[in-house]
Amino acid sequence: GMAASLPIIKYCVDQGLGKEAMYRALFVS
């Protein structure tokens, strides 16, 4: 669960992407 989520969360936060982009990428992951 952490391996599928935390790299994406960190990427989205660091790159200034919004929550919607993050949620959709987390769905893929």
PDB file of all heavy atoms in Angstrom:
ATOM      1  N   GLY A   1       0.818  -1.207   0.000  1.00  0.00           N
ATOM      2  CA  GLY A   1       0.000   0.000   0.000  1.00  0.00           C
ATOM      3  C   GLY A   1       0.852   1.257   0.000  1.00  0.00           C
ATOM      4  O   GLY A   1       0.566   2.224  -0.717  1.00  0.00           O
ATOM      5  N   MET A   2       1.914   1.242   0.800  1.00  0.00           N
ATOM      6  CA  MET A   2       2.815   2.404   0.831  1.00  0.00           C
ATOM      7  C   MET A   2       3.640   2.502  -0.447  1.00  0.00           C
ATOM      8  O   MET A   2       3.847   3.594  -0.984  1.00  0.00           O
ATOM      9  CB  MET A   2       3.718   2.315   2.061  1.00  0.00           C
ATOM     10  CG  MET A   2       2.982   2.575   3.361  1.00  0.00           C
ATOM     11  SD  MET A   2       4.070   2.621   4.803  1.00  0.00           S
ATOM     12  CE  MET A   2       4.620   0.917   4.867  1.00  0.00           C
ATOM     13  N   ALA A   3       4.116   1.356  -0.942  1.00  0.00           N
ATOM     14  CA  ALA A   3       4.926   1.368  -2.164  1.00  0.00           C
ATOM     15  C   ALA A   3       4.111   1.828  -3.368  1.00  0.00           C
ATOM     16  O   ALA A   3       4.645   2.462  -4.285  1.00  0.00           O
ATOM     17  CB  ALA A   3       5.507  -0.016  -2.425  1.00  0.00           C
ATOM     18  N   ALA A   4       2.807   1.524  -3.368  1.00  0.00           N
ATOM     19  CA  ALA A   4       1.943   1.934  -4.482  1.00  0.00           C
ATOM     20  C   ALA A   4       1.542   3.397  -4.397  1.00  0.00           C
ATOM     21  O   ALA A   4       1.138   3.994  -5.401  1.00  0.00           O
ATOM     22  CB  ALA A   4       0.693   1.056  -4.512  1.00  0.00           C
ATOM     23  N   SER A   5       1.643   3.988  -3.216  1.00  0.00           N
ATOM     24  CA  SER A   5       1.118   5.344  -3.029  1.00  0.00           C
ATOM     25  C   SER A   5       2.173   6.413  -2.798  1.00  0.00           C
ATOM     26  O   SER A   5       2.120   7.501  -3.397  1.00  0.00           O
ATOM     27  CB  SER A   5       0.139   5.364  -1.847  1.00  0.00           C
ATOM     28  OG  SER A   5       0.775   4.975  -0.640  1.00  0.00           O
ATOM     29  N   LEU A   6       3.128   6.160  -1.924  1.00  0.00           N
ATOM     30  CA  LEU A   6       4.027   7.228  -1.476  1.00  0.00           C
ATOM     31  C   LEU A   6       4.919   7.815  -2.583  1.00  0.00           C
ATOM     32  O   LEU A   6       5.147   9.034  -2.594  1.00  0.00           O
ATOM     33  CB  LEU A   6       4.870   6.741  -0.297  1.00  0.00           C
ATOM     34  CG  LEU A   6       4.065   6.583   1.005  1.00  0.00           C
ATOM     35  CD1 LEU A   6       4.884   5.875   2.082  1.00  0.00           C
ATOM     36  CD2 LEU A   6       3.587   7.946   1.523  1.00  0.00           C
ATOM     37  N   PRO A   7       5.422   7.022  -3.542  1.00  0.00           N
ATOM     38  CA  PRO A   7       6.190   7.660  -4.633  1.00  0.00           C
ATOM     39  C   PRO A   7       5.328   8.620  -5.449  1.00  0.00           C
ATOM     40  O   PRO A   7       5.810   9.674  -5.882  1.00  0.00           O
ATOM     41  CB  PRO A   7       6.651   6.477  -5.490  1.00  0.00           C
ATOM     42  CG  PRO A   7       6.514   5.274  -4.628  1.00  0.00           C
ATOM     43  CD  PRO A   7       5.375   5.558  -3.700  1.00  0.00           C
ATOM     44  N   ILE A   8       4.057   8.245  -5.645  1.00  0.00           N
ATOM     45  CA  ILE A   8       3.143   9.086  -6.416  1.00  0.00           C
ATOM     46  C   ILE A   8       2.786  10.345  -5.625  1.00  0.00           C
ATOM     47  O   ILE A   8       2.758  11.455  -6.170  1.00  0.00           O
ATOM     48  CB  ILE A   8       1.864   8.300  -6.768  1.00  0.00           C
ATOM     49  CG1 ILE A   8       2.209   7.025  -7.546  1.00  0.00           C
ATOM     50  CG2 ILE A   8       0.887   9.165  -7.544  1.00  0.00           C
ATOM     51  CD1 ILE A   8       3.001   7.244  -8.805  1.00  0.00           C
ATOM     52  N   ILE A   9       2.519  10.178  -4.336  1.00  0.00           N
ATOM     53  CA  ILE A   9       2.204  11.324  -3.477  1.00  0.00           C
ATOM     54  C   ILE A   9       3.359  12.315  -3.469  1.00  0.00           C
ATOM     55  O   ILE A   9       3.166  13.526  -3.652  1.00  0.00           O
ATOM     56  CB  ILE A   9       1.870  10.844  -2.049  1.00  0.00           C
ATOM     57  CG1 ILE A   9       0.529  10.106  -2.037  1.00  0.00           C
ATOM     58  CG2 ILE A   9       1.849  12.016  -1.071  1.00  0.00           C
ATOM     59  CD1 ILE A   9       0.241   9.347  -0.761  1.00  0.00           C
ATOM     60  N   LYS A  10       4.564  11.822  -3.257  1.00  0.00           N
ATOM     61  CA  LYS A  10       5.746  12.697  -3.214  1.00  0.00           C
ATOM     62  C   LYS A  10       5.958  13.395  -4.551  1.00  0.00           C
ATOM     63  O   LYS A  10       6.263  14.597  -4.597  1.00  0.00           O
ATOM     64  CB  LYS A  10       6.981  11.872  -2.833  1.00  0.00           C
ATOM     65  CG  LYS A  10       8.245  12.698  -2.590  1.00  0.00           C
ATOM     66  CD  LYS A  10       8.084  13.644  -1.413  1.00  0.00           C
ATOM     67  CE  LYS A  10       9.393  14.360  -1.089  1.00  0.00           C
ATOM     68  NZ  LYS A  10       9.185  15.456  -0.125  1.00  0.00           N
ATOM     69  N   TYR A  11       5.775  12.664  -5.631  1.00  0.00           N
ATOM     70  CA  TYR A  11       5.922  13.228  -6.970  1.00  0.00           C
ATOM     71  C   TYR A  11       4.933  14.367  -7.182  1.00  0.00           C
ATOM     72  O   TYR A  11       5.303  15.463  -7.630  1.00  0.00           O
ATOM     73  CB  TYR A  11       5.711  12.129  -8.006  1.00  0.00           C
ATOM     74  CG  TYR A  11       5.922  12.563  -9.434  1.00  0.00           C
ATOM     75  CD1 TYR A  11       7.153  12.408 -10.061  1.00  0.00           C
ATOM     76  CD2 TYR A  11       4.890  13.141 -10.174  1.00  0.00           C
ATOM     77  CE1 TYR A  11       7.352  12.804 -11.367  1.00  0.00           C
ATOM     78  CE2 TYR A  11       5.079  13.547 -11.483  1.00  0.00           C
ATOM     79  CZ  TYR A  11       6.308  13.372 -12.076  1.00  0.00           C
ATOM     80  OH  TYR A  11       6.500  13.777 -13.379  1.00  0.00           O
ATOM     81  N   CYS A  12       3.674  14.130  -6.845  1.00  0.00           N
ATOM     82  CA  CYS A  12       2.628  15.133  -7.068  1.00  0.00           C
ATOM     83  C   CYS A  12       2.832  16.364  -6.190  1.00  0.00           C
ATOM     84  O   CYS A  12       2.643  17.498  -6.647  1.00  0.00           O
ATOM     85  CB  CYS A  12       1.251  14.520  -6.821  1.00  0.00           C
ATOM     86  SG  CYS A  12       0.750  13.322  -8.079  1.00  0.00           S
ATOM     87  N   VAL A  13       3.217  16.152  -4.940  1.00  0.00           N
ATOM     88  CA  VAL A  13       3.464  17.277  -4.040  1.00  0.00           C
ATOM     89  C   VAL A  13       4.654  18.101  -4.533  1.00  0.00           C
ATOM     90  O   VAL A  13       4.590  19.340  -4.623  1.00  0.00           O
ATOM     91  CB  VAL A  13       3.699  16.782  -2.594  1.00  0.00           C
ATOM     92  CG1 VAL A  13       4.198  17.912  -1.709  1.00  0.00           C
ATOM     93  CG2 VAL A  13       2.409  16.193  -2.027  1.00  0.00           C
ATOM     94  N   ASP A  14       5.744  17.442  -4.864  1.00  0.00           N
ATOM     95  CA  ASP A  14       6.956  18.151  -5.288  1.00  0.00           C
ATOM     96  C   ASP A  14       6.762  18.873  -6.618  1.00  0.00           C
ATOM     97  O   ASP A  14       7.342  19.946  -6.847  1.00  0.00           O
ATOM     98  CB  ASP A  14       8.129  17.177  -5.409  1.00  0.00           C
ATOM     99  CG  ASP A  14       8.654  16.717  -4.063  1.00  0.00           C
ATOM    100  OD1 ASP A  14       8.136  17.181  -3.030  1.00  0.00           O
ATOM    101  OD2 ASP A  14       9.591  15.895  -4.047  1.00  0.00           O
ATOM    102  N   GLN A  15       5.961  18.276  -7.502  1.00  0.00           N
ATOM    103  CA  GLN A  15       5.759  18.866  -8.825  1.00  0.00           C
ATOM    104  C   GLN A  15       4.600  19.859  -8.857  1.00  0.00           C
ATOM    105  O   GLN A  15       4.295  20.434  -9.907  1.00  0.00           O
ATOM    106  CB  GLN A  15       5.510  17.754  -9.859  1.00  0.00           C
ATOM    107  CG  GLN A  15       6.646  16.767 -10.021  1.00  0.00           C
ATOM    108  CD  GLN A  15       7.929  17.418 -10.483  1.00  0.00           C
ATOM    109  OE1 GLN A  15       7.911  18.293 -11.338  1.00  0.00           O
ATOM    110  NE2 GLN A  15       9.060  16.991  -9.917  1.00  0.00           N
ATOM    111  N   GLY A  16       3.950  20.062  -7.701  1.00  0.00           N
ATOM    112  CA  GLY A  16       2.862  21.032  -7.624  1.00  0.00           C
ATOM    113  C   GLY A  16       1.610  20.611  -8.349  1.00  0.00           C
ATOM    114  O   GLY A  16       0.813  21.462  -8.790  1.00  0.00           O
ATOM    115  N   LEU A  17       1.396  19.314  -8.485  1.00  0.00           N
ATOM    116  CA  LEU A  17       0.186  18.818  -9.140  1.00  0.00           C
ATOM    117  C   LEU A  17      -0.974  18.807  -8.146  1.00  0.00           C
ATOM    118  O   LEU A  17      -0.788  18.651  -6.946  1.00  0.00           O
ATOM    119  CB  LEU A  17       0.419  17.414  -9.690  1.00  0.00           C
ATOM    120  CG  LEU A  17       1.601  17.266 -10.662  1.00  0.00           C
ATOM    121  CD1 LEU A  17       1.724  15.834 -11.123  1.00  0.00           C
ATOM    122  CD2 LEU A  17       1.464  18.212 -11.851  1.00  0.00           C
ATOM    123  N   GLY A  18      -2.171  18.942  -8.633  1.00  0.00           N
ATOM    124  CA  GLY A  18      -3.337  19.012  -7.763  1.00  0.00           C
ATOM    125  C   GLY A  18      -3.785  17.653  -7.263  1.00  0.00           C
ATOM    126  O   GLY A  18      -3.295  16.600  -7.694  1.00  0.00           O
ATOM    127  N   LYS A  19      -4.771  17.683  -6.350  1.00  0.00           N
ATOM    128  CA  LYS A  19      -5.285  16.455  -5.759  1.00  0.00           C
ATOM    129  C   LYS A  19      -5.933  15.553  -6.809  1.00  0.00           C
ATOM    130  O   LYS A  19      -5.799  14.332  -6.748  1.00  0.00           O
ATOM    131  CB  LYS A  19      -6.318  16.785  -4.669  1.00  0.00           C
ATOM    132  CG  LYS A  19      -5.706  17.276  -3.353  1.00  0.00           C
ATOM    133  CD  LYS A  19      -5.061  16.153  -2.582  1.00  0.00           C
ATOM    134  CE  LYS A  19      -4.507  16.599  -1.238  1.00  0.00           C
ATOM    135  NZ  LYS A  19      -5.526  16.803  -0.204  1.00  0.00           N
ATOM    136  N   GLU A  20      -6.638  16.128  -7.774  1.00  0.00           N
ATOM    137  CA  GLU A  20      -7.306  15.271  -8.762  1.00  0.00           C
ATOM    138  C   GLU A  20      -6.296  14.459  -9.560  1.00  0.00           C
ATOM    139  O   GLU A  20      -6.480  13.252  -9.763  1.00  0.00           O
ATOM    140  CB  GLU A  20      -8.177  16.097  -9.714  1.00  0.00           C
ATOM    141  CG  GLU A  20      -8.871  15.210 -10.747  1.00  0.00           C
ATOM    142  CD  GLU A  20      -9.930  15.918 -11.574  1.00  0.00           C
ATOM    143  OE1 GLU A  20     -10.409  16.995 -11.166  1.00  0.00           O
ATOM    144  OE2 GLU A  20     -10.296  15.364 -12.630  1.00  0.00           O
ATOM    145  N   ALA A  21      -5.224  15.095 -10.004  1.00  0.00           N
ATOM    146  CA  ALA A  21      -4.179  14.364 -10.733  1.00  0.00           C
ATOM    147  C   ALA A  21      -3.592  13.266  -9.863  1.00  0.00           C
ATOM    148  O   ALA A  21      -3.339  12.139 -10.324  1.00  0.00           O
ATOM    149  CB  ALA A  21      -3.088  15.327 -11.185  1.00  0.00           C
ATOM    150  N   MET A  22      -3.380  13.576  -8.575  1.00  0.00           N
ATOM    151  CA  MET A  22      -2.822  12.591  -7.657  1.00  0.00           C
ATOM    152  C   MET A  22      -3.772  11.416  -7.467  1.00  0.00           C
ATOM    153  O   MET A  22      -3.356  10.252  -7.513  1.00  0.00           O
ATOM    154  CB  MET A  22      -2.515  13.234  -6.306  1.00  0.00           C
ATOM    155  CG  MET A  22      -1.890  12.277  -5.301  1.00  0.00           C
ATOM    156  SD  MET A  22      -1.438  13.090  -3.758  1.00  0.00           S
ATOM    157  CE  MET A  22      -3.058  13.436  -3.079  1.00  0.00           C
ATOM    158  N   TYR A  23      -5.074  11.696  -7.251  1.00  0.00           N
ATOM    159  CA  TYR A  23      -6.048  10.621  -7.037  1.00  0.00           C
ATOM    160  C   TYR A  23      -6.104   9.700  -8.260  1.00  0.00           C
ATOM    161  O   TYR A  23      -6.170   8.470  -8.124  1.00  0.00           O
ATOM    162  CB  TYR A  23      -7.443  11.186  -6.781  1.00  0.00           C
ATOM    163  CG  TYR A  23      -7.608  12.000  -5.518  1.00  0.00           C
ATOM    164  CD1 TYR A  23      -8.606  12.977  -5.439  1.00  0.00           C
ATOM    165  CD2 TYR A  23      -6.786  11.818  -4.414  1.00  0.00           C
ATOM    166  CE1 TYR A  23      -8.777  13.744  -4.286  1.00  0.00           C
ATOM    167  CE2 TYR A  23      -6.945  12.588  -3.258  1.00  0.00           C
ATOM    168  CZ  TYR A  23      -7.951  13.547  -3.204  1.00  0.00           C
ATOM    169  OH  TYR A  23      -8.121  14.295  -2.072  1.00  0.00           O
ATOM    170  N   ARG A  24      -6.104  10.289  -9.446  1.00  0.00           N
ATOM    171  CA  ARG A  24      -6.196   9.457 -10.666  1.00  0.00           C
ATOM    172  C   ARG A  24      -4.946   8.598 -10.837  1.00  0.00           C
ATOM    173  O   ARG A  24      -5.028   7.423 -11.223  1.00  0.00           O
ATOM    174  CB  ARG A  24      -6.425  10.343 -11.892  1.00  0.00           C
ATOM    175  CG  ARG A  24      -7.795  11.036 -11.886  1.00  0.00           C
ATOM    176  CD  ARG A  24      -8.099  11.749 -13.203  1.00  0.00           C
ATOM    177  NE  ARG A  24      -9.341  12.511 -13.095  1.00  0.00           N
ATOM    178  CZ  ARG A  24     -10.577  11.990 -13.214  1.00  0.00           C
ATOM    179  NH1 ARG A  24     -10.707  10.695 -13.455  1.00  0.00           N
ATOM    180  NH2 ARG A  24     -11.637  12.754 -13.106  1.00  0.00           N
ATOM    181  N   ALA A  25      -3.788   9.159 -10.537  1.00  0.00           N
ATOM    182  CA  ALA A  25      -2.554   8.373 -10.626  1.00  0.00           C
ATOM    183  C   ALA A  25      -2.509   7.298  -9.553  1.00  0.00           C
ATOM    184  O   ALA A  25      -2.031   6.170  -9.798  1.00  0.00           O
ATOM    185  CB  ALA A  25      -1.342   9.296 -10.503  1.00  0.00           C
ATOM    186  N   LEU A  26      -3.015   7.600  -8.354  1.00  0.00           N
ATOM    187  CA  LEU A  26      -3.083   6.588  -7.296  1.00  0.00           C
ATOM    188  C   LEU A  26      -4.019   5.462  -7.686  1.00  0.00           C
ATOM    189  O   LEU A  26      -3.780   4.296  -7.355  1.00  0.00           O
ATOM    190  CB  LEU A  26      -3.526   7.231  -5.980  1.00  0.00           C
ATOM    191  CG  LEU A  26      -2.488   8.101  -5.275  1.00  0.00           C
ATOM    192  CD1 LEU A  26      -3.121   8.836  -4.094  1.00  0.00           C
ATOM    193  CD2 LEU A  26      -1.286   7.284  -4.808  1.00  0.00           C
ATOM    194  N   PHE A  27      -5.089   5.788  -8.398  1.00  0.00           N
ATOM    195  CA  PHE A  27      -5.992   4.749  -8.903  1.00  0.00           C
ATOM    196  C   PHE A  27      -5.241   3.815  -9.844  1.00  0.00           C
ATOM    197  O   PHE A  27      -5.338   2.588  -9.733  1.00  0.00           O
ATOM    198  CB  PHE A  27      -7.179   5.408  -9.616  1.00  0.00           C
ATOM    199  CG  PHE A  27      -8.182   4.425 -10.167  1.00  0.00           C
ATOM    200  CD1 PHE A  27      -9.221   3.962  -9.376  1.00  0.00           C
ATOM    201  CD2 PHE A  27      -8.087   3.968 -11.472  1.00  0.00           C
ATOM    202  CE1 PHE A  27     -10.152   3.050  -9.877  1.00  0.00           C
ATOM    203  CE2 PHE A  27      -8.995   3.058 -11.980  1.00  0.00           C
ATOM    204  CZ  PHE A  27     -10.037   2.600 -11.182  1.00  0.00           C
ATOM    205  N   VAL A  28      -4.475   4.393 -10.778  1.00  0.00           N
ATOM    206  CA  VAL A  28      -3.679   3.569 -11.698  1.00  0.00           C
ATOM    207  C   VAL A  28      -2.722   2.675 -10.916  1.00  0.00           C
ATOM    208  O   VAL A  28      -2.625   1.457 -11.161  1.00  0.00           O
ATOM    209  CB  VAL A  28      -2.876   4.466 -12.674  1.00  0.00           C
ATOM    210  CG1 VAL A  28      -1.892   3.608 -13.492  1.00  0.00           C
ATOM    211  CG2 VAL A  28      -3.807   5.215 -13.609  1.00  0.00           C
ATOM    212  N   SER A  29      -2.029   3.267  -9.959  1.00  0.00           N
ATOM    213  CA  SER A  29      -1.013   2.540  -9.219  1.00  0.00           C
ATOM    214  C   SER A  29      -1.605   1.409  -8.381  1.00  0.00           C
ATOM    215  O   SER A  29      -1.138   0.261  -8.426  1.00  0.00           O
ATOM    216  CB  SER A  29      -0.236   3.509  -8.329  1.00  0.00           C
ATOM    217  OG  SER A  29       0.833   2.855  -7.696  1.00  0.00           O
TER     218      SER A  29
END
